PDB file of N, CA and C in Angstrom:
ATOM      1  N   MET A   1     106.663 120.693  90.429  1.00  0.00           N
ATOM      2  CA  MET A   1     105.523 120.491  89.676  1.00  0.00           C
ATOM      3  C   MET A   1     104.891 119.166  89.898  1.00  0.00           C
ATOM      4  N   LYS A   2     103.804 119.083  90.346  1.00  0.00           N
ATOM      5  CA  LYS A   2     103.125 117.839  90.560  1.00  0.00           C
ATOM      6  C   LYS A   2     102.254 117.437  89.242  1.00  0.00           C
ATOM      7  N   PRO A   3     102.537 116.131  88.974  1.00  0.00           N
ATOM      8  CA  PRO A   3     101.803 115.677  87.815  1.00  0.00           C
ATOM      9  C   PRO A   3     100.338 115.586  88.193  1.00  0.00           C
ATOM     10  N   PRO A   4      99.487 115.515  87.031  1.00  0.00           N
ATOM     11  CA  PRO A   4      97.904 115.451  87.423  1.00  0.00           C
ATOM     12  C   PRO A   4      97.604 114.030  87.631  1.00  0.00           C
ATOM     13  N   PRO A   5      96.751 113.961  88.505  1.00  0.00           N
ATOM     14  CA  PRO A   5      96.365 112.526  88.823  1.00  0.00           C
ATOM     15  C   PRO A   5      95.608 111.768  87.456  1.00  0.00           C
ATOM     16  N   ALA A   6      95.916 110.427  87.249  1.00  0.00           N
ATOM     17  CA  ALA A   6      95.197 109.854  86.189  1.00  0.00           C
ATOM     18  C   ALA A   6      93.736 109.812  86.236  1.00  0.00           C
ATOM     19  N   PRO A   7      93.186 109.814  85.035  1.00  0.00           N
ATOM     20  CA  PRO A   7      91.671 109.886  84.979  1.00  0.00           C
ATOM     21  C   PRO A   7      91.226 108.767  85.929  1.00  0.00           C
ATOM     22  N   LEU A   8      90.184 109.043  86.665  1.00  0.00           N
ATOM     23  CA  LEU A   8      89.407 108.084  87.585  1.00  0.00           C
ATOM     24  C   LEU A   8      90.210 107.259  88.446  1.00  0.00           C
ATOM     25  N   SER A   9      91.548 107.811  89.003  1.00  0.00           N
ATOM     26  CA  SER A   9      92.586 107.522  89.969  1.00  0.00           C
ATOM     27  C   SER A   9      92.038 107.837  91.393  1.00  0.00           C
ATOM     28  N   ASP A  10      92.275 106.910  92.120  1.00  0.00           N
ATOM     29  CA  ASP A  10      91.801 107.177  93.575  1.00  0.00           C
ATOM     30  C   ASP A  10      93.093 107.535  94.157  1.00  0.00           C
ATOM     31  N   THR A  11      94.042 107.805  93.389  1.00  0.00           N
ATOM     32  CA  THR A  11      95.357 108.139  94.139  1.00  0.00           C
ATOM     33  C   THR A  11      95.424 109.520  94.271  1.00  0.00           C
ATOM     34  N   SER A  12      95.886 110.164  95.412  1.00  0.00           N
ATOM     35  CA  SER A  12      95.797 111.782  95.612  1.00  0.00           C
ATOM     36  C   SER A  12      97.036 112.218  94.697  1.00  0.00           C
ATOM     37  N   PRO A  13      96.841 113.530  94.369  1.00  0.00           N
ATOM     38  CA  PRO A  13      98.105 114.042  93.682  1.00  0.00           C
ATOM     39  C   PRO A  13      99.356 114.070  94.676  1.00  0.00           C
ATOM     40  N   ASP A  14      99.456 114.181  95.816  1.00  0.00           N
ATOM     41  CA  ASP A  14     100.584 114.025  96.615  1.00  0.00           C
ATOM     42  C   ASP A  14     101.061 112.533  96.715  1.00  0.00           C
ATOM     43  N   ALA A  15     100.276 111.411  96.645  1.00  0.00           N
ATOM     44  CA  ALA A  15     100.869 110.244  96.653  1.00  0.00           C
ATOM     45  C   ALA A  15     101.232 109.871  95.144  1.00  0.00           C
ATOM     46  N   LEU A  16     100.697 110.262  94.226  1.00  0.00           N
ATOM     47  CA  LEU A  16     101.102 110.044  92.781  1.00  0.00           C
ATOM     48  C   LEU A  16     102.521 110.781  92.836  1.00  0.00           C
ATOM     49  N   ALA A  17     102.685 112.003  93.196  1.00  0.00           N
ATOM     50  CA  ALA A  17     104.006 112.509  93.096  1.00  0.00           C
ATOM     51  C   ALA A  17     104.963 111.778  93.879  1.00  0.00           C
ATOM     52  N   ALA A  18     104.783 111.234  94.940  1.00  0.00           N
ATOM     53  CA  ALA A  18     105.412 110.430  95.657  1.00  0.00           C
ATOM     54  C   ALA A  18     106.032 109.192  94.988  1.00  0.00           C
ATOM     55  N   GLN A  19     104.853 108.598  94.248  1.00  0.00           N
ATOM     56  CA  GLN A  19     105.051 107.427  93.686  1.00  0.00           C
ATOM     57  C   GLN A  19     106.230 107.667  92.506  1.00  0.00           C
ATOM     58  N   LEU A  20     105.976 108.741  91.809  1.00  0.00           N
ATOM     59  CA  LEU A  20     106.673 108.986  90.589  1.00  0.00           C
ATOM     60  C   LEU A  20     107.993 109.246  91.066  1.00  0.00           C
ATOM     61  N   ALA A  21     108.116 110.114  92.109  1.00  0.00           N
ATOM     62  CA  ALA A  21     109.678 110.605  92.580  1.00  0.00           C
ATOM     63  C   ALA A  21     110.372 109.213  92.866  1.00  0.00           C
ATOM     64  N   SER A  22     109.755 108.300  93.668  1.00  0.00           N
ATOM     65  CA  SER A  22     110.571 106.954  93.834  1.00  0.00           C
ATOM     66  C   SER A  22     110.759 106.257  92.641  1.00  0.00           C
ATOM     67  N   ILE A  23     110.026 106.178  91.628  1.00  0.00           N
ATOM     68  CA  ILE A  23     110.231 105.500  90.216  1.00  0.00           C
ATOM     69  C   ILE A  23     111.304 106.131  89.680  1.00  0.00           C
ATOM     70  N   ARG A  24     111.471 107.462  89.732  1.00  0.00           N
ATOM     71  CA  ARG A  24     112.340 108.197  88.902  1.00  0.00           C
ATOM     72  C   ARG A  24     113.888 107.849  89.423  1.00  0.00           C
ATOM     73  N   VAL A  25     113.975 107.587  90.660  1.00  0.00           N
ATOM     74  CA  VAL A  25     115.323 107.210  91.215  1.00  0.00           C
ATOM     75  C   VAL A  25     115.976 105.831  91.231  1.00  0.00           C
ATOM     76  N   MET A  26     114.964 105.158  90.584  1.00  0.00           N
ATOM     77  CA  MET A  26     115.193 103.544  90.168  1.00  0.00           C
ATOM     78  C   MET A  26     116.133 103.645  89.089  1.00  0.00           C
ATOM     79  N   ARG A  27     117.127 102.388  89.222  1.00  0.00           N
ATOM     80  CA  ARG A  27     117.872 102.163  87.951  1.00  0.00           C
ATOM     81  C   ARG A  27     116.878 101.481  86.815  1.00  0.00           C
ATOM     82  N   PRO A  28     117.314 101.616  85.548  1.00  0.00           N
ATOM     83  CA  PRO A  28     116.432 100.887  84.728  1.00  0.00           C
ATOM     84  C   PRO A  28     116.126  99.470  85.114  1.00  0.00           C
ATOM     85  N   LEU A  29     117.103  98.694  85.670  1.00  0.00           N
ATOM     86  CA  LEU A  29     116.804  97.059  86.017  1.00  0.00           C
ATOM     87  C   LEU A  29     115.799  96.997  87.068  1.00  0.00           C
ATOM     88  N   GLU A  30     115.872  98.123  87.956  1.00  0.00           N
ATOM     89  CA  GLU A  30     114.968  97.894  89.279  1.00  0.00           C
ATOM     90  C   GLU A  30     113.621  98.363  88.686  1.00  0.00           C
ATOM     91  N   ARG A  31     113.429  99.189  87.621  1.00  0.00           N
ATOM     92  CA  ARG A  31     112.225  99.540  87.231  1.00  0.00           C
ATOM     93  C   ARG A  31     111.716  98.370  86.252  1.00  0.00           C
ATOM     94  N   PHE A  32     112.422  97.742  85.585  1.00  0.00           N
ATOM     95  CA  PHE A  32     111.999  96.805  84.756  1.00  0.00           C
ATOM     96  C   PHE A  32     111.650  95.393  85.835  1.00  0.00           C
ATOM     97  N   ARG A  33     112.330  95.235  86.714  1.00  0.00           N
ATOM     98  CA  ARG A  33     111.648  94.113  87.754  1.00  0.00           C
ATOM     99  C   ARG A  33     110.457  94.575  88.366  1.00  0.00           C
ATOM    100  N   ALA A  34     110.493  95.926  88.908  1.00  0.00           N
ATOM    101  CA  ALA A  34     109.242  96.211  89.504  1.00  0.00           C
ATOM    102  C   ALA A  34     108.066  95.981  88.560  1.00  0.00           C
ATOM    103  N   GLY A  35     108.149  96.432  87.252  1.00  0.00           N
ATOM    104  CA  GLY A  35     107.095  96.218  86.415  1.00  0.00           C
ATOM    105  C   GLY A  35     106.643  94.818  86.159  1.00  0.00           C
ATOM    106  N   CYS A  36     107.654  94.109  86.115  1.00  0.00           N
ATOM    107  CA  CYS A  36     107.572  92.652  85.864  1.00  0.00           C
ATOM    108  C   CYS A  36     106.663  91.960  87.112  1.00  0.00           C
ATOM    109  N   SER A  37     107.142  92.478  88.313  1.00  0.00           N
ATOM    110  CA  SER A  37     106.471  91.868  89.446  1.00  0.00           C
ATOM    111  C   SER A  37     105.016  92.295  89.626  1.00  0.00           C
ATOM    112  N   LEU A  38     104.759  93.645  89.149  1.00  0.00           N
ATOM    113  CA  LEU A  38     103.322  94.132  89.082  1.00  0.00           C
ATOM    114  C   LEU A  38     102.609  93.364  88.008  1.00  0.00           C
ATOM    115  N   THR A  39     103.186  93.055  86.950  1.00  0.00           N
ATOM    116  CA  THR A  39     102.419  92.280  85.865  1.00  0.00           C
ATOM    117  C   THR A  39     102.099  91.006  86.299  1.00  0.00           C
ATOM    118  N   SER A  40     102.996  90.185  86.945  1.00  0.00           N
ATOM    119  CA  SER A  40     102.719  89.019  87.588  1.00  0.00           C
ATOM    120  C   SER A  40     101.810  88.900  88.547  1.00  0.00           C
ATOM    121  N   ARG A  41     101.944  89.887  89.549  1.00  0.00           N
ATOM    122  CA  ARG A  41     100.777  90.036  90.566  1.00  0.00           C
ATOM    123  C   ARG A  41      99.529  90.089  90.047  1.00  0.00           C
ATOM    124  N   GLY A  42      99.308  90.968  89.107  1.00  0.00           N
ATOM    125  CA  GLY A  42      98.127  91.201  88.441  1.00  0.00           C
ATOM    126  C   GLY A  42      97.460  90.040  87.882  1.00  0.00           C
ATOM    127  N   ARG A  43      98.324  89.412  86.962  1.00  0.00           N
ATOM    128  CA  ARG A  43      98.023  88.043  86.398  1.00  0.00           C
ATOM    129  C   ARG A  43      97.318  87.005  87.461  1.00  0.00           C
ATOM    130  N   ARG A  44      98.253  86.796  88.533  1.00  0.00           N
ATOM    131  CA  ARG A  44      97.700  85.778  89.666  1.00  0.00           C
ATOM    132  C   ARG A  44      96.447  86.385  90.142  1.00  0.00           C
ATOM    133  N   LEU A  45      96.266  87.589  90.330  1.00  0.00           N
ATOM    134  CA  LEU A  45      94.966  88.121  91.122  1.00  0.00           C
ATOM    135  C   LEU A  45      93.905  87.908  90.027  1.00  0.00           C
ATOM    136  N   ALA A  46      94.160  88.006  88.796  1.00  0.00           N
ATOM    137  CA  ALA A  46      92.987  87.870  87.801  1.00  0.00           C
ATOM    138  C   ALA A  46      92.734  86.236  87.610  1.00  0.00           C
ATOM    139  N   MET A  47      93.841  85.352  87.741  1.00  0.00           N
ATOM    140  CA  MET A  47      93.636  84.186  87.725  1.00  0.00           C
ATOM    141  C   MET A  47      92.733  83.617  88.821  1.00  0.00           C
ATOM    142  N   ALA A  48      93.087  84.182  90.036  1.00  0.00           N
ATOM    143  CA  ALA A  48      92.461  83.674  91.198  1.00  0.00           C
ATOM    144  C   ALA A  48      91.004  84.188  91.166  1.00  0.00           C
ATOM    145  N   ALA A  49      90.639  85.237  90.652  1.00  0.00           N
ATOM    146  CA  ALA A  49      89.419  85.758  90.451  1.00  0.00           C
ATOM    147  C   ALA A  49      88.504  84.751  89.389  1.00  0.00           C
ATOM    148  N   LEU A  50      89.170  84.401  88.413  1.00  0.00           N
ATOM    149  CA  LEU A  50      88.579  83.516  87.559  1.00  0.00           C
ATOM    150  C   LEU A  50      88.244  82.119  88.137  1.00  0.00           C
ATOM    151  N   ARG A  51      89.092  81.587  88.954  1.00  0.00           N
ATOM    152  CA  ARG A  51      88.969  80.398  89.430  1.00  0.00           C
ATOM    153  C   ARG A  51      87.737  80.501  90.642  1.00  0.00           C
ATOM    154  N   ARG A  52      87.748  81.615  91.353  1.00  0.00           N
ATOM    155  CA  ARG A  52      86.512  81.868  92.283  1.00  0.00           C
ATOM    156  C   ARG A  52      85.181  81.980  91.196  1.00  0.00           C
ATOM    157  N   ARG A  53      85.218  82.457  90.247  1.00  0.00           N
ATOM    158  CA  ARG A  53      84.094  82.808  89.621  1.00  0.00           C
ATOM    159  C   ARG A  53      83.526  81.592  88.874  1.00  0.00           C
ATOM    160  N   TYR A  54      84.519  80.790  88.466  1.00  0.00           N
ATOM    161  CA  TYR A  54      84.335  79.618  87.789  1.00  0.00           C
ATOM    162  C   TYR A  54      84.696  78.361  88.303  1.00  0.00           C
ATOM    163  N   PRO A  55      84.452  77.818  89.563  1.00  0.00           N
ATOM    164  CA  PRO A  55      85.223  76.891  90.375  1.00  0.00           C
ATOM    165  C   PRO A  55      85.074  75.474  89.560  1.00  0.00           C
ATOM    166  N   SER A  56      84.235  75.281  88.751  1.00  0.00           N
ATOM    167  CA  SER A  56      84.114  73.917  88.214  1.00  0.00           C
ATOM    168  C   SER A  56      85.220  74.044  86.891  1.00  0.00           C
ATOM    169  N   ALA A  57      85.676  75.155  86.370  1.00  0.00           N
ATOM    170  CA  ALA A  57      86.559  75.212  85.150  1.00  0.00           C
ATOM    171  C   ALA A  57      87.642  74.430  85.406  1.00  0.00           C
ATOM    172  N   SER A  58      88.146  73.904  84.155  1.00  0.00           N
ATOM    173  CA  SER A  58      89.292  73.352  84.287  1.00  0.00           C
ATOM    174  C   SER A  58      90.506  74.438  84.249  1.00  0.00           C
ATOM    175  N   ALA A  59      91.829  73.910  84.458  1.00  0.00           N
ATOM    176  CA  ALA A  59      92.740  74.966  84.338  1.00  0.00           C
ATOM    177  C   ALA A  59      92.896  75.516  82.958  1.00  0.00           C
ATOM    178  N   ASP A  60      92.883  74.859  81.867  1.00  0.00           N
ATOM    179  CA  ASP A  60      92.946  75.289  80.626  1.00  0.00           C
ATOM    180  C   ASP A  60      91.746  76.370  80.474  1.00  0.00           C
ATOM    181  N   GLU A  61      90.488  76.043  80.858  1.00  0.00           N
ATOM    182  CA  GLU A  61      89.478  76.867  80.684  1.00  0.00           C
ATOM    183  C   GLU A  61      89.808  78.177  81.352  1.00  0.00           C
ATOM    184  N   ILE A  62      90.253  78.066  82.536  1.00  0.00           N
ATOM    185  CA  ILE A  62      90.601  79.337  83.183  1.00  0.00           C
ATOM    186  C   ILE A  62      91.568  80.312  82.217  1.00  0.00           C
ATOM    187  N   ARG A  63      92.796  79.638  82.025  1.00  0.00           N
ATOM    188  CA  ARG A  63      93.802  80.338  81.020  1.00  0.00           C
ATOM    189  C   ARG A  63      93.143  80.842  79.969  1.00  0.00           C
ATOM    190  N   VAL A  64      92.089  80.194  79.058  1.00  0.00           N
ATOM    191  CA  VAL A  64      91.584  80.792  78.052  1.00  0.00           C
ATOM    192  C   VAL A  64      90.892  82.108  78.262  1.00  0.00           C
ATOM    193  N   ARG A  65      89.957  81.846  79.470  1.00  0.00           N
ATOM    194  CA  ARG A  65      89.234  82.986  79.925  1.00  0.00           C
ATOM    195  C   ARG A  65      90.071  84.217  80.225  1.00  0.00           C
ATOM    196  N   TYR A  66      91.398  84.006  80.829  1.00  0.00           N
ATOM    197  CA  TYR A  66      92.137  84.870  80.959  1.00  0.00           C
ATOM    198  C   TYR A  66      92.742  85.507  79.908  1.00  0.00           C
ATOM    199  N   LEU A  67      93.088  84.815  79.018  1.00  0.00           N
ATOM    200  CA  LEU A  67      93.411  85.120  77.595  1.00  0.00           C
ATOM    201  C   LEU A  67      92.465  86.344  76.989  1.00  0.00           C
ATOM    202  N   ARG A  68      91.231  85.667  77.049  1.00  0.00           N
ATOM    203  CA  ARG A  68      90.019  86.624  76.344  1.00  0.00           C
ATOM    204  C   ARG A  68      90.064  87.978  77.027  1.00  0.00           C
ATOM    205  N   LEU A  69      90.084  88.076  78.572  1.00  0.00           N
ATOM    206  CA  LEU A  69      89.943  89.268  79.089  1.00  0.00           C
ATOM    207  C   LEU A  69      91.241  89.993  78.760  1.00  0.00           C
ATOM    208  N   ALA A  70      92.342  89.510  78.717  1.00  0.00           N
ATOM    209  CA  ALA A  70      93.700  90.306  78.552  1.00  0.00           C
ATOM    210  C   ALA A  70      94.001  90.735  77.241  1.00  0.00           C
ATOM    211  N   TYR A  71      93.839  89.799  76.207  1.00  0.00           N
ATOM    212  CA  TYR A  71      94.279  89.884  74.887  1.00  0.00           C
ATOM    213  C   TYR A  71      93.259  89.838  73.861  1.00  0.00           C
ATOM    214  N   GLY A  72      92.113  89.505  74.116  1.00  0.00           N
ATOM    215  CA  GLY A  72      90.934  89.573  73.277  1.00  0.00           C
ATOM    216  C   GLY A  72      90.517  88.192  72.742  1.00  0.00           C
ATOM    217  N   GLU A  73      89.308  88.235  72.069  1.00  0.00           N
ATOM    218  CA  GLU A  73      88.676  86.973  71.599  1.00  0.00           C
ATOM    219  C   GLU A  73      89.644  86.184  70.763  1.00  0.00           C
ATOM    220  N   GLN A  74      90.309  86.748  69.456  1.00  0.00           N
ATOM    221  CA  GLN A  74      90.937  86.107  68.658  1.00  0.00           C
ATOM    222  C   GLN A  74      91.903  85.267  69.293  1.00  0.00           C
ATOM    223  N   LEU A  75      92.816  85.947  70.029  1.00  0.00           N
ATOM    224  CA  LEU A  75      93.910  85.044  70.616  1.00  0.00           C
ATOM    225  C   LEU A  75      93.412  83.789  71.527  1.00  0.00           C
ATOM    226  N   ALA A  76      92.417  84.217  72.377  1.00  0.00           N
ATOM    227  CA  ALA A  76      91.955  83.248  73.405  1.00  0.00           C
ATOM    228  C   ALA A  76      91.274  81.943  72.428  1.00  0.00           C
ATOM    229  N   ALA A  77      90.514  82.242  71.210  1.00  0.00           N
ATOM    230  CA  ALA A  77      89.977  81.386  70.522  1.00  0.00           C
ATOM    231  C   ALA A  77      91.057  80.473  69.855  1.00  0.00           C
ATOM    232  N   SER A  78      92.039  81.012  69.394  1.00  0.00           N
ATOM    233  CA  SER A  78      93.126  80.266  68.704  1.00  0.00           C
ATOM    234  C   SER A  78      93.842  79.483  69.722  1.00  0.00           C
ATOM    235  N   VAL A  79      94.095  80.037  71.013  1.00  0.00           N
ATOM    236  CA  VAL A  79      94.731  79.109  72.053  1.00  0.00           C
ATOM    237  C   VAL A  79      93.800  77.901  72.411  1.00  0.00           C
ATOM    238  N   GLY A  80      92.327  78.185  72.405  1.00  0.00           N
ATOM    239  CA  GLY A  80      91.474  77.295  72.915  1.00  0.00           C
ATOM    240  C   GLY A  80      91.323  76.136  71.877  1.00  0.00           C
ATOM    241  N   ARG A  81      91.703  76.534  70.663  1.00  0.00           N
ATOM    242  CA  ARG A  81      91.590  75.243  69.550  1.00  0.00           C
ATOM    243  C   ARG A  81      92.706  74.735  69.536  1.00  0.00           C
ATOM    244  N   TRP A  82      94.139  75.347  69.942  1.00  0.00           N
ATOM    245  CA  TRP A  82      95.179  74.607  70.086  1.00  0.00           C
ATOM    246  C   TRP A  82      95.215  73.740  71.163  1.00  0.00           C
ATOM    247  N   LEU A  83      94.688  74.058  72.307  1.00  0.00           N
ATOM    248  CA  LEU A  83      94.439  73.201  73.417  1.00  0.00           C
ATOM    249  C   LEU A  83      93.595  72.034  73.299  1.00  0.00           C
ATOM    250  N   GLU A  84      92.476  72.116  72.498  1.00  0.00           N
ATOM    251  CA  GLU A  84      91.602  71.162  72.130  1.00  0.00           C
ATOM    252  C   GLU A  84      92.392  70.237  71.274  1.00  0.00           C
ATOM    253  N   ASP A  85      92.983  70.637  70.246  1.00  0.00           N
ATOM    254  CA  ASP A  85      93.912  69.919  69.274  1.00  0.00           C
ATOM    255  C   ASP A  85      94.838  69.036  70.043  1.00  0.00           C
ATOM    256  N   LYS A  86      95.396  69.532  70.982  1.00  0.00           N
ATOM    257  CA  LYS A  86      96.596  68.961  71.843  1.00  0.00           C
ATOM    258  C   LYS A  86      95.903  67.858  72.731  1.00  0.00           C
ATOM    259  N   ARG A  87      94.690  68.208  73.264  1.00  0.00           N
ATOM    260  CA  ARG A  87      94.224  66.810  74.190  1.00  0.00           C
ATOM    261  C   ARG A  87      93.777  65.784  72.912  1.00  0.00           C
ATOM    262  N   GLY A  88      93.538  65.993  72.004  1.00  0.00           N
ATOM    263  CA  GLY A  88      92.990  64.969  71.083  1.00  0.00           C
ATOM    264  C   GLY A  88      94.120  64.238  70.316  1.00  0.00           C
ATOM    265  N   GLU A  89      95.277  64.587  70.644  1.00  0.00           N
ATOM    266  CA  GLU A  89      96.398  63.880  69.933  1.00  0.00           C
ATOM    267  C   GLU A  89      96.668  62.835  70.847  1.00  0.00           C
TER     268      GLU A  89
END
C-alpha cells in the first residue's frame, strides 16, 4: 500500500514510497543520524540565505534572525537582549 503524498508535496507517490521504504530498513541510530544531518543542512542553508539577504548584518544579527524564523519572536528577542547585555559587559 502506497502512502498518500504529503500536502503540497512535489514528491511523486512512487518516490515517497521508495523514501519511506529506505527509512524503514534503517536502524534507529541511522535514522537519528540522518535526521540530525537533514536538520543541520537545513539550518546551514537558512543561515546562508539570511547572509545573502542581509549582507551587512553581523553574525549575531543573522543568528537572531534565524531564531525568529525557526523558533519565534519571543526566543529571538530574549537571545537578542542577552547578546546585547553580553556585548555591554
